C-alpha atoms as a PDB file:
ATOM      1  CA  MET A   1     111.948 158.751 113.539  1.00  0.00           C
ATOM      2  CA  LYS A   2     111.724 154.792 113.006  1.00  0.00           C
ATOM      3  CA  THR A   3     109.537 153.425 110.032  1.00  0.00           C
ATOM      4  CA  LEU A   4     107.524 150.752 110.097  1.00  0.00           C
ATOM      5  CA  HIS A   5     108.024 147.653 107.726  1.00  0.00           C
ATOM      6  CA  THR A   6     105.329 145.602 107.239  1.00  0.00           C
ATOM      7  CA  PRO A   7     104.942 142.373 104.856  1.00  0.00           C
ATOM      8  CA  ALA A   8     103.734 142.921 101.149  1.00  0.00           C
ATOM      9  CA  LEU A   9     100.248 141.096 100.549  1.00  0.00           C
ATOM     10  CA  ASP A  10     100.984 138.444  98.304  1.00  0.00           C
ATOM     11  CA  LEU A  11      97.648 136.246  96.370  1.00  0.00           C
ATOM     12  CA  HIS A  12      98.227 133.297  99.122  1.00  0.00           C
ATOM     13  CA  LEU A  13      97.839 135.681 101.771  1.00  0.00           C
ATOM     14  CA  LEU A  14      94.857 137.254 100.281  1.00  0.00           C
ATOM     15  CA  GLN A  15      93.366 134.218  99.934  1.00  0.00           C
ATOM     16  CA  CYS A  16      93.970 132.754 103.454  1.00  0.00           C
ATOM     17  CA  LEU A  17      92.430 136.548 104.858  1.00  0.00           C
ATOM     18  CA  ASP A  18      89.391 135.858 102.787  1.00  0.00           C
ATOM     19  CA  LEU A  19      88.976 132.412 104.345  1.00  0.00           C
ATOM     20  CA  LEU A  20      89.478 133.838 107.847  1.00  0.00           C
ATOM     21  CA  LEU A  21      87.060 136.658 107.213  1.00  0.00           C
ATOM     22  CA  GLN A  22      84.511 134.467 105.735  1.00  0.00           C
ATOM     23  CA  GLU A  23      85.115 131.217 108.476  1.00  0.00           C
ATOM     24  CA  ALA A  24      85.884 133.593 111.545  1.00  0.00           C
ATOM     25  CA  ASN A  25      87.847 130.657 112.868  1.00  0.00           C
ATOM     26  CA  VAL A  26      91.261 129.831 112.349  1.00  0.00           C
ATOM     27  CA  SER A  27      90.711 126.174 112.384  1.00  0.00           C
ATOM     28  CA  ARG A  28      87.844 126.018 109.718  1.00  0.00           C
ATOM     29  CA  ALA A  29      89.542 128.489 107.268  1.00  0.00           C
ATOM     30  CA  ALA A  30      92.634 126.083 107.307  1.00  0.00           C
ATOM     31  CA  LEU A  31      90.926 123.091 107.023  1.00  0.00           C
ATOM     32  CA  ARG A  32      89.347 125.003 103.681  1.00  0.00           C
ATOM     33  CA  ALA A  33      92.726 125.935 102.333  1.00  0.00           C
ATOM     34  CA  ASP A  34      94.339 122.392 103.167  1.00  0.00           C
ATOM     35  CA  VAL A  35      97.522 123.793 105.241  1.00  0.00           C
ATOM     36  CA  THR A  36      97.906 123.429 108.809  1.00  0.00           C
ATOM     37  CA  GLN A  37      96.310 125.452 111.757  1.00  0.00           C
ATOM     38  CA  SER A  38      99.988 126.852 112.471  1.00  0.00           C
ATOM     39  CA  ALA A  39     100.133 127.898 108.632  1.00  0.00           C
ATOM     40  CA  MET A  40      96.721 129.357 108.535  1.00  0.00           C
ATOM     41  CA  SER A  41      98.116 131.313 112.337  1.00  0.00           C
ATOM     42  CA  HIS A  42     101.458 132.986 111.105  1.00  0.00           C
ATOM     43  CA  ALA A  43      99.263 134.489 108.060  1.00  0.00           C
ATOM     44  CA  LEU A  44      96.830 135.964 109.900  1.00  0.00           C
ATOM     45  CA  ARG A  45      99.756 136.814 112.330  1.00  0.00           C
ATOM     46  CA  ARG A  46     101.475 138.497 109.587  1.00  0.00           C
ATOM     47  CA  LEU A  47      97.838 139.967 108.011  1.00  0.00           C
ATOM     48  CA  ARG A  48      97.482 141.676 111.444  1.00  0.00           C
ATOM     49  CA  LEU A  49     101.086 143.273 111.230  1.00  0.00           C
ATOM     50  CA  HIS A  50      99.879 144.640 108.040  1.00  0.00           C
ATOM     51  CA  PHE A  51      96.497 146.085 108.356  1.00  0.00           C
ATOM     52  CA  ALA A  52      97.384 147.276 112.001  1.00  0.00           C
ATOM     53  CA  ASP A  53      93.880 145.346 113.207  1.00  0.00           C
ATOM     54  CA  PRO A  54      93.448 142.564 114.754  1.00  0.00           C
ATOM     55  CA  LEU A  55      90.835 141.193 111.880  1.00  0.00           C
ATOM     56  CA  LEU A  56      89.516 138.602 114.562  1.00  0.00           C
ATOM     57  CA  VAL A  57      88.665 139.380 117.887  1.00  0.00           C
ATOM     58  CA  ARG A  58      87.480 136.655 121.186  1.00  0.00           C
ATOM     59  CA  ALA A  59      84.025 136.691 121.443  1.00  0.00           C
ATOM     60  CA  GLY A  60      83.201 134.212 124.168  1.00  0.00           C
ATOM     61  CA  ARG A  61      83.829 130.925 123.630  1.00  0.00           C
ATOM     62  CA  GLY A  62      84.738 131.797 119.346  1.00  0.00           C
ATOM     63  CA  MET A  63      85.754 134.969 117.143  1.00  0.00           C
ATOM     64  CA  LYS A  64      84.302 137.655 115.279  1.00  0.00           C
ATOM     65  CA  LEU A  65      85.752 140.052 112.752  1.00  0.00           C
ATOM     66  CA  SER A  66      86.501 143.311 113.851  1.00  0.00           C
ATOM     67  CA  ALA A  67      85.109 146.385 112.250  1.00  0.00           C
ATOM     68  CA  ARG A  68      88.196 146.441 110.116  1.00  0.00           C
ATOM     69  CA  GLY A  69      87.643 142.934 109.033  1.00  0.00           C
ATOM     70  CA  LEU A  70      83.710 143.315 108.228  1.00  0.00           C
ATOM     71  CA  ALA A  71      84.629 146.114 105.550  1.00  0.00           C
ATOM     72  CA  LEU A  72      87.085 144.352 104.285  1.00  0.00           C
ATOM     73  CA  ARG A  73      84.932 141.128 103.658  1.00  0.00           C
ATOM     74  CA  ALA A  74      82.825 141.883 100.875  1.00  0.00           C
ATOM     75  CA  PRO A  75      85.229 143.903  98.756  1.00  0.00           C
ATOM     76  CA  LEU A  76      87.997 141.142  99.112  1.00  0.00           C
ATOM     77  CA  ARG A  77      85.971 138.667  98.315  1.00  0.00           C
ATOM     78  CA  GLU A  78      84.370 140.336  94.567  1.00  0.00           C
ATOM     79  CA  ALA A  79      87.962 141.337  94.161  1.00  0.00           C
ATOM     80  CA  LEU A  80      89.255 137.515  94.351  1.00  0.00           C
ATOM     81  CA  LEU A  81      86.392 136.329  92.213  1.00  0.00           C
ATOM     82  CA  GLN A  82      87.542 138.997  89.585  1.00  0.00           C
ATOM     83  CA  LEU A  83      90.814 137.914  89.500  1.00  0.00           C
ATOM     84  CA  HIS A  84      89.983 134.528  89.559  1.00  0.00           C
ATOM     85  CA  ARG A  85      87.897 135.329  86.219  1.00  0.00           C
ATOM     86  CA  VAL A  86      91.027 137.146  84.930  1.00  0.00           C
ATOM     87  CA  ALA A  87      93.297 134.672  85.324  1.00  0.00           C
ATOM     88  CA  GLN A  88      91.046 131.487  84.081  1.00  0.00           C
ATOM     89  CA  THR A  89      92.514 130.101  80.976  1.00  0.00           C
ATOM     90  CA  GLN A  90      90.294 127.047  80.204  1.00  0.00           C
ATOM     91  CA  GLU A  91      86.532 127.678  79.455  1.00  0.00           C
ATOM     92  CA  SER A  92      85.390 124.247  80.093  1.00  0.00           C
ATOM     93  CA  PHE A  93      84.432 122.802  83.671  1.00  0.00           C
ATOM     94  CA  ASP A  94      84.463 118.808  84.507  1.00  0.00           C
ATOM     95  CA  PRO A  95      82.718 118.418  87.614  1.00  0.00           C
ATOM     96  CA  SER A  96      84.274 114.771  88.415  1.00  0.00           C
ATOM     97  CA  ARG A  97      87.719 116.272  88.755  1.00  0.00           C
ATOM     98  CA  GLY A  98      88.358 118.092  91.641  1.00  0.00           C
ATOM     99  CA  ALA A  99      86.882 119.097  95.107  1.00  0.00           C
ATOM    100  CA  HIS A 100      84.730 121.795  94.053  1.00  0.00           C
ATOM    101  CA  GLN A 101      82.927 123.521  96.642  1.00  0.00           C
ATOM    102  CA  PHE A 102      79.669 125.357  96.495  1.00  0.00           C
ATOM    103  CA  ARG A 103      77.864 127.530  98.082  1.00  0.00           C
ATOM    104  CA  MET A 104      73.967 128.523  98.202  1.00  0.00           C
ATOM    105  CA  LEU A 105      72.335 131.128 100.445  1.00  0.00           C
ATOM    106  CA  MET A 106      68.460 130.686 101.192  1.00  0.00           C
ATOM    107  CA  PRO A 107      66.197 130.298 103.605  1.00  0.00           C
ATOM    108  CA  ASP A 108      64.985 126.452 104.604  1.00  0.00           C
ATOM    109  CA  TYR A 109      62.210 126.134 102.418  1.00  0.00           C
ATOM    110  CA  GLY A 110      65.194 126.319  99.841  1.00  0.00           C
ATOM    111  CA  ASP A 111      66.841 123.659 101.862  1.00  0.00           C
ATOM    112  CA  MET A 112      63.894 121.153 101.955  1.00  0.00           C
ATOM    113  CA  VAL A 113      62.494 121.708  97.854  1.00  0.00           C
ATOM    114  CA  LEU A 114      65.430 122.229  96.127  1.00  0.00           C
ATOM    115  CA  VAL A 115      68.277 120.286  98.070  1.00  0.00           C
ATOM    116  CA  PRO A 116      67.444 116.404  97.675  1.00  0.00           C
ATOM    117  CA  PRO A 117      67.354 116.623  94.141  1.00  0.00           C
ATOM    118  CA  LEU A 118      70.150 118.614  93.527  1.00  0.00           C
ATOM    119  CA  MET A 119      72.572 116.370  96.313  1.00  0.00           C
ATOM    120  CA  ARG A 120      71.266 113.060  94.239  1.00  0.00           C
ATOM    121  CA  ARG A 121      72.968 114.872  91.011  1.00  0.00           C
ATOM    122  CA  LEU A 122      75.824 116.560  92.644  1.00  0.00           C
ATOM    123  CA  SER A 123      76.688 112.871  94.384  1.00  0.00           C
ATOM    124  CA  GLU A 124      76.589 111.323  90.773  1.00  0.00           C
ATOM    125  CA  LYS A 125      78.187 114.192  88.096  1.00  0.00           C
ATOM    126  CA  ALA A 126      80.705 115.579  91.106  1.00  0.00           C
ATOM    127  CA  PRO A 127      81.012 113.099  93.888  1.00  0.00           C
ATOM    128  CA  GLN A 128      84.343 115.081  95.523  1.00  0.00           C
ATOM    129  CA  SER A 129      82.297 118.146  95.488  1.00  0.00           C
ATOM    130  CA  SER A 130      80.722 119.787  98.706  1.00  0.00           C
ATOM    131  CA  LEU A 131      77.779 121.673  99.090  1.00  0.00           C
ATOM    132  CA  HIS A 132      77.268 124.039 101.893  1.00  0.00           C
ATOM    133  CA  CYS A 133      73.769 125.704 102.265  1.00  0.00           C
ATOM    134  CA  LEU A 134      73.759 129.160 104.697  1.00  0.00           C
ATOM    135  CA  GLN A 135      71.227 131.372 105.010  1.00  0.00           C
ATOM    136  CA  ASP A 136      71.540 134.673 105.379  1.00  0.00           C
ATOM    137  CA  GLY A 137      71.188 136.228 108.565  1.00  0.00           C
ATOM    138  CA  GLY A 138      70.143 139.985 107.565  1.00  0.00           C
ATOM    139  CA  LEU A 139      73.434 140.281 105.739  1.00  0.00           C
ATOM    140  CA  ASP A 140      72.938 142.913 102.662  1.00  0.00           C
ATOM    141  CA  TRP A 141      73.535 141.938  99.293  1.00  0.00           C
ATOM    142  CA  LEU A 142      77.289 142.723  98.538  1.00  0.00           C
ATOM    143  CA  ALA A 143      78.216 140.795 101.813  1.00  0.00           C
ATOM    144  CA  ALA A 144      75.751 138.114 100.810  1.00  0.00           C
ATOM    145  CA  SER A 145      76.837 137.531  97.187  1.00  0.00           C
ATOM    146  CA  ALA A 146      80.260 137.329  98.192  1.00  0.00           C
ATOM    147  CA  GLN A 147      79.836 134.645 100.751  1.00  0.00           C
ATOM    148  CA  ALA A 148      77.306 131.950  98.236  1.00  0.00           C
ATOM    149  CA  ASP A 149      77.605 131.347  94.272  1.00  0.00           C
ATOM    150  CA  VAL A 150      74.108 131.961  94.393  1.00  0.00           C
ATOM    151  CA  LEU A 151      70.797 133.678  96.553  1.00  0.00           C
ATOM    152  CA  ILE A 152      67.795 132.005  96.372  1.00  0.00           C
ATOM    153  CA  GLY A 153      64.651 133.262  98.023  1.00  0.00           C
ATOM    154  CA  ARG A 154      61.931 136.066  97.825  1.00  0.00           C
ATOM    155  CA  PHE A 155      63.335 139.280  96.405  1.00  0.00           C
ATOM    156  CA  ASP A 156      60.998 141.464  96.128  1.00  0.00           C
ATOM    157  CA  GLN A 157      63.657 144.199  95.253  1.00  0.00           C
ATOM    158  CA  ALA A 158      66.660 142.666  93.929  1.00  0.00           C
ATOM    159  CA  PRO A 159      69.818 144.867  93.512  1.00  0.00           C
ATOM    160  CA  GLN A 160      70.124 146.384  89.498  1.00  0.00           C
ATOM    161  CA  SER A 161      73.800 144.643  89.321  1.00  0.00           C
ATOM    162  CA  ALA A 162      72.741 141.304  90.282  1.00  0.00           C
ATOM    163  CA  HIS A 163      71.770 138.192  87.913  1.00  0.00           C
ATOM    164  CA  GLN A 164      68.455 137.088  88.364  1.00  0.00           C
ATOM    165  CA  ARG A 165      66.397 133.825  87.229  1.00  0.00           C
ATOM    166  CA  ASP A 166      62.899 132.657  88.338  1.00  0.00           C
ATOM    167  CA  LEU A 167      62.636 129.506  89.626  1.00  0.00           C
ATOM    168  CA  TRP A 168      59.428 128.714  90.745  1.00  0.00           C
ATOM    169  CA  GLU A 169      55.668 130.481  91.575  1.00  0.00           C
ATOM    170  CA  GLU A 170      54.377 130.367  94.679  1.00  0.00           C
ATOM    171  CA  ASP A 171      51.202 130.332  96.668  1.00  0.00           C
ATOM    172  CA  PHE A 172      49.781 129.924  99.968  1.00  0.00           C
ATOM    173  CA  VAL A 173      48.192 126.805 101.750  1.00  0.00           C
ATOM    174  CA  LEU A 174      47.160 125.972 105.184  1.00  0.00           C
ATOM    175  CA  ILE A 175      48.402 123.188 107.323  1.00  0.00           C
ATOM    176  CA  ALA A 176      46.938 120.996 109.535  1.00  0.00           C
ATOM    177  CA  SER A 177      47.635 117.529 111.326  1.00  0.00           C
ATOM    178  CA  ALA A 178      46.147 114.441 109.201  1.00  0.00           C
ATOM    179  CA  ARG A 179      44.507 114.034 112.462  1.00  0.00           C
ATOM    180  CA  HIS A 180      43.183 117.511 113.423  1.00  0.00           C
ATOM    181  CA  PRO A 181      39.695 117.648 115.275  1.00  0.00           C
ATOM    182  CA  ARG A 182      38.239 120.439 113.313  1.00  0.00           C
ATOM    183  CA  LEU A 183      39.725 119.876 109.994  1.00  0.00           C
ATOM    184  CA  GLY A 184      38.354 117.595 107.812  1.00  0.00           C
ATOM    185  CA  GLN A 185      38.570 117.449 103.528  1.00  0.00           C
ATOM    186  CA  GLN A 186      36.810 120.730 102.840  1.00  0.00           C
ATOM    187  CA  ALA A 187      38.876 123.720 103.459  1.00  0.00           C
ATOM    188  CA  PRO A 188      37.767 126.061 106.454  1.00  0.00           C
ATOM    189  CA  ASP A 189      36.005 129.202 105.819  1.00  0.00           C
ATOM    190  CA  LEU A 190      37.549 132.503 107.592  1.00  0.00           C
ATOM    191  CA  GLU A 191      35.415 131.683 110.492  1.00  0.00           C
ATOM    192  CA  ALA A 192      36.806 128.944 111.203  1.00  0.00           C
ATOM    193  CA  TYR A 193      40.650 129.840 110.277  1.00  0.00           C
ATOM    194  CA  LEU A 194      40.485 132.486 112.879  1.00  0.00           C
ATOM    195  CA  ALA A 195      38.936 129.985 115.698  1.00  0.00           C
ATOM    196  CA  GLU A 196      42.111 128.042 115.229  1.00  0.00           C
ATOM    197  CA  SER A 197      45.546 128.518 117.173  1.00  0.00           C
ATOM    198  CA  HIS A 198      47.838 129.492 114.585  1.00  0.00           C
ATOM    199  CA  ILE A 199      51.779 128.659 113.975  1.00  0.00           C
ATOM    200  CA  GLN A 200      53.804 131.946 112.917  1.00  0.00           C
ATOM    201  CA  VAL A 201      56.965 131.667 110.532  1.00  0.00           C
ATOM    202  CA  ARG A 202      58.675 134.764 110.594  1.00  0.00           C
ATOM    203  CA  LEU A 203      62.476 135.136 108.474  1.00  0.00           C
ATOM    204  CA  THR A 204      63.396 138.753 109.603  1.00  0.00           C
ATOM    205  CA  GLY A 205      61.383 139.206 112.767  1.00  0.00           C
ATOM    206  CA  LEU A 206      60.390 142.773 111.288  1.00  0.00           C
ATOM    207  CA  GLY A 207      56.651 143.971 110.965  1.00  0.00           C
ATOM    208  CA  ARG A 208      53.586 142.317 110.013  1.00  0.00           C
ATOM    209  CA  GLY A 209      53.665 139.100 108.110  1.00  0.00           C
ATOM    210  CA  GLN A 210      51.953 138.931 104.952  1.00  0.00           C
ATOM    211  CA  VAL A 211      48.879 136.984 106.617  1.00  0.00           C
ATOM    212  CA  ASP A 212      48.248 139.272 109.391  1.00  0.00           C
ATOM    213  CA  GLN A 213      48.494 142.364 107.149  1.00  0.00           C
ATOM    214  CA  TRP A 214      45.304 140.850 105.179  1.00  0.00           C
ATOM    215  CA  LEU A 215      43.397 140.243 108.216  1.00  0.00           C
ATOM    216  CA  HIS A 216      44.441 143.650 109.832  1.00  0.00           C
ATOM    217  CA  GLU A 217      43.346 145.319 106.825  1.00  0.00           C
ATOM    218  CA  ARG A 218      40.163 143.530 107.167  1.00  0.00           C
ATOM    219  CA  GLY A 219      39.687 144.195 110.622  1.00  0.00           C
ATOM    220  CA  HIS A 220      40.713 140.810 111.433  1.00  0.00           C
ATOM    221  CA  SER A 221      43.392 139.271 113.876  1.00  0.00           C
ATOM    222  CA  ARG A 222      44.364 135.752 114.731  1.00  0.00           C
ATOM    223  CA  HIS A 223      45.850 133.701 117.396  1.00  0.00           C
ATOM    224  CA  ILE A 224      49.515 132.791 117.252  1.00  0.00           C
ATOM    225  CA  ALA A 225      50.465 130.991 119.693  1.00  0.00           C
ATOM    226  CA  CYS A 226      54.427 130.229 118.177  1.00  0.00           C
ATOM    227  CA  THR A 227      56.345 131.610 116.332  1.00  0.00           C
ATOM    228  CA  PHE A 228      59.400 129.908 114.498  1.00  0.00           C
ATOM    229  CA  ALA A 229      62.261 131.048 112.265  1.00  0.00           C
ATOM    230  CA  GLN A 230      62.272 128.111 110.307  1.00  0.00           C
ATOM    231  CA  PHE A 231      59.767 126.144 108.013  1.00  0.00           C
ATOM    232  CA  SER A 232      60.979 122.491 108.995  1.00  0.00           C
ATOM    233  CA  SER A 233      60.344 123.241 113.240  1.00  0.00           C
ATOM    234  CA  ALA A 234      56.103 124.596 112.114  1.00  0.00           C
ATOM    235  CA  GLY A 235      55.674 121.764 109.826  1.00  0.00           C
ATOM    236  CA  ARG A 236      57.163 119.016 112.484  1.00  0.00           C
ATOM    237  CA  LEU A 237      54.699 121.210 115.368  1.00  0.00           C
ATOM    238  CA  VAL A 238      51.589 121.141 112.811  1.00  0.00           C
ATOM    239  CA  ALA A 239      52.161 117.073 112.306  1.00  0.00           C
ATOM    240  CA  GLN A 240      52.446 116.508 116.694  1.00  0.00           C
ATOM    241  CA  SER A 241      49.271 119.478 117.760  1.00  0.00           C
ATOM    242  CA  ASP A 242      46.230 121.247 116.771  1.00  0.00           C
ATOM    243  CA  LEU A 243      47.637 124.116 115.378  1.00  0.00           C
ATOM    244  CA  ILE A 244      47.615 125.184 111.948  1.00  0.00           C
ATOM    245  CA  CYS A 245      50.217 127.094 109.760  1.00  0.00           C
ATOM    246  CA  THR A 246      50.004 129.051 106.780  1.00  0.00           C
ATOM    247  CA  LEU A 247      53.034 128.588 104.261  1.00  0.00           C
ATOM    248  CA  PRO A 248      54.032 128.659 101.164  1.00  0.00           C
ATOM    249  CA  ARG A 249      52.828 125.951  99.061  1.00  0.00           C
ATOM    250  CA  ARG A 250      56.156 123.585  97.349  1.00  0.00           C
ATOM    251  CA  VAL A 251      57.029 124.034 101.121  1.00  0.00           C
ATOM    252  CA  ALA A 252      53.685 122.400 102.599  1.00  0.00           C
ATOM    253  CA  GLN A 253      54.506 119.730  99.924  1.00  0.00           C
ATOM    254  CA  ALA A 254      57.681 119.017 101.255  1.00  0.00           C
ATOM    255  CA  LEU A 255      56.585 118.880 104.557  1.00  0.00           C
ATOM    256  CA  ALA A 256      53.722 116.262 104.185  1.00  0.00           C
ATOM    257  CA  VAL A 257      56.561 114.098 102.380  1.00  0.00           C
ATOM    258  CA  ASP A 258      57.947 113.568 105.743  1.00  0.00           C
ATOM    259  CA  HIS A 259      54.784 114.439 108.258  1.00  0.00           C
ATOM    260  CA  ASP A 260      51.686 113.788 108.616  1.00  0.00           C
ATOM    261  CA  LEU A 261      49.815 116.471 107.473  1.00  0.00           C
ATOM    262  CA  SER A 262      46.951 117.517 105.143  1.00  0.00           C
ATOM    263  CA  LEU A 263      46.928 120.607 103.031  1.00  0.00           C
ATOM    264  CA  HIS A 264      43.777 123.089 102.669  1.00  0.00           C
ATOM    265  CA  GLN A 265      42.935 125.540 100.441  1.00  0.00           C
ATOM    266  CA  LEU A 266      43.235 129.053 102.712  1.00  0.00           C
ATOM    267  CA  PRO A 267      40.119 131.585 103.300  1.00  0.00           C
ATOM    268  CA  LEU A 268      42.520 134.324 102.665  1.00  0.00           C
ATOM    269  CA  ALA A 269      43.331 135.962  98.729  1.00  0.00           C
ATOM    270  CA  LEU A 270      46.964 136.002  99.358  1.00  0.00           C
ATOM    271  CA  PRO A 271      48.709 137.102  96.160  1.00  0.00           C
ATOM    272  CA  SER A 272      51.573 134.824  95.148  1.00  0.00           C
ATOM    273  CA  PHE A 273      55.305 135.272  94.511  1.00  0.00           C
ATOM    274  CA  GLN A 274      58.499 134.169  92.703  1.00  0.00           C
ATOM    275  CA  VAL A 275      61.041 132.528  93.795  1.00  0.00           C
ATOM    276  CA  ARG A 276      64.479 133.810  92.653  1.00  0.00           C
ATOM    277  CA  MET A 277      67.965 133.014  92.067  1.00  0.00           C
ATOM    278  CA  LEU A 278      70.242 135.666  92.440  1.00  0.00           C
ATOM    279  CA  TRP A 279      74.111 135.904  90.968  1.00  0.00           C
ATOM    280  CA  SER A 280      76.777 138.302  91.490  1.00  0.00           C
ATOM    281  CA  PRO A 281      78.222 139.123  87.826  1.00  0.00           C
ATOM    282  CA  ALA A 282      81.878 138.643  88.688  1.00  0.00           C
ATOM    283  CA  LEU A 283      80.569 135.000  88.530  1.00  0.00           C
ATOM    284  CA  HIS A 284      78.203 134.830  85.799  1.00  0.00           C
ATOM    285  CA  HIS A 285      80.558 133.565  82.713  1.00  0.00           C
ATOM    286  CA  GLU A 286      82.525 131.224  85.058  1.00  0.00           C
ATOM    287  CA  ALA A 287      81.988 128.226  83.710  1.00  0.00           C
ATOM    288  CA  ARG A 288      81.800 126.623  86.619  1.00  0.00           C
ATOM    289  CA  HIS A 289      79.173 128.468  87.786  1.00  0.00           C
ATOM    290  CA  ARG A 290      77.310 128.187  84.612  1.00  0.00           C
ATOM    291  CA  TRP A 291      77.736 124.212  85.381  1.00  0.00           C
ATOM    292  CA  PHE A 292      76.059 124.719  88.586  1.00  0.00           C
ATOM    293  CA  ARG A 293      73.401 127.197  87.821  1.00  0.00           C
ATOM    294  CA  GLU A 294      72.029 124.770  85.253  1.00  0.00           C
ATOM    295  CA  GLU A 295      72.495 121.710  87.441  1.00  0.00           C
ATOM    296  CA  ILE A 296      70.356 123.851  90.365  1.00  0.00           C
ATOM    297  CA  ILE A 297      67.631 124.538  87.420  1.00  0.00           C
ATOM    298  CA  THR A 298      67.419 120.817  86.482  1.00  0.00           C
ATOM    299  CA  ALA A 299      67.234 119.198  89.839  1.00  0.00           C
ATOM    300  CA  LEU A 300      63.887 121.826  90.803  1.00  0.00           C
ATOM    301  CA  ARG A 301      62.487 120.853  87.778  1.00  0.00           C
ATOM    302  CA  GLU A 302      62.710 116.980  88.973  1.00  0.00           C
ATOM    303  CA  ARG A 303      61.479 118.253  92.311  1.00  0.00           C
ATOM    304  CA  LEU A 304      58.943 119.955  91.392  1.00  0.00           C
ATOM    305  CA  ALA A 305      57.236 117.334  88.638  1.00  0.00           C
ATOM    306  CA  GLU A 306      57.501 114.684  92.448  1.00  0.00           C
ATOM    307  CA  LEU A 307      55.660 117.001  94.693  1.00  0.00           C
ATOM    308  CA  ASP A 308      53.344 117.427  92.158  1.00  0.00           C
ATOM    309  CA  ALA A 309      53.053 113.572  91.687  1.00  0.00           C
ATOM    310  CA  ILE A 310      52.936 113.371  96.019  1.00  0.00           C
ATOM    311  CA  ALA A 311      50.332 115.800  95.605  1.00  0.00           C
ATOM    312  CA  ARG A 312      48.003 114.326  93.136  1.00  0.00           C
ATOM    313  CA  SER A 313      48.607 110.465  94.805  1.00  0.00           C
ATOM    314  CA  ARG A 314      47.303 112.115  98.394  1.00  0.00           C
ATOM    315  CA  ALA A 315      44.529 113.897  97.015  1.00  0.00           C
ATOM    316  CA  ARG A 316      43.275 110.586  95.514  1.00  0.00           C
ATOM    317  CA  ARG A 317      43.562 108.908  98.944  1.00  0.00           C
ATOM    318  CA  PRO A 318      40.365 108.229 101.006  1.00  0.00           C
ATOM    319  CA  HIS A 319      40.395 111.240 103.943  1.00  0.00           C
ATOM    320  CA  GLN A 320      41.318 109.679 107.598  1.00  0.00           C
ATOM    321  CA  SER A 321      39.329 111.468 109.887  1.00  0.00           C
ATOM    322  CA  ALA A 322      40.838 111.605 113.177  1.00  0.00           C
ATOM    323  CA  LYS A 323      38.458 108.989 115.091  1.00  0.00           C
ATOM    324  CA  SER A 324      39.831 106.211 112.206  1.00  0.00           C
END
């Protein structure tokens, strides 16, 4: 009986595997590892031999992870992060030296509210760094935390193992085109609100949204003319139509910076919620990660002050009707 000898897995191969499982693409994995595509392909062949599994399989014009690859992705990422922490000998972190990679996983409202000031700070303090903004795509906590440094969003049931910090409290407002033919300076009452056609933003597409659940419990419904998975798309369409949309206040303020929108108080008593930042315990004490978290907090503080100032300035302007 012949014995199959498989190559031993060293740290370099495990790091290659981590990148391959994150990117599901040999070229992108090679680029992140700063090696040639040929070298990454050779590493993939060795890994396939060791695991007796393709790990990456063809899917149309691209590739996707095999079932074994999916099962390896999160625990491998967590193990490498733990190993990095154990091997780290220098507690200080100099952001100005090196090409640092920072990854944030969040809905697009995080992009609009947080990313502009954060990029300004990174460009100044860590000019060779790269910020990667990802969307979760329905990943569970373990898989999501393995892909990103921080997760930002509304987490009603955050895992107990996660470190977390409240970022800002959010409530809801109504946005409409600044030249909407029926909405003036006064906030609409419930009857007027229900008479309009609405854009709905659904991040998951599951069940009733918070607005429609509130209306359903009180025997009301609204006409949803269009549904998006992104707030930015909803903002653009509102500015170009007579449709209206109910959004978190900070998102609405950010959209109003780039689009000709008016913000109105809702005739619905929806509860507010906290936007939180979550991160893995494996990263909590890492100097690079501590620095990045503090930059997020500082950038957010600047952005919220900026949005509040813009909102106050807009409130002082004379209202322009659709006939002006």
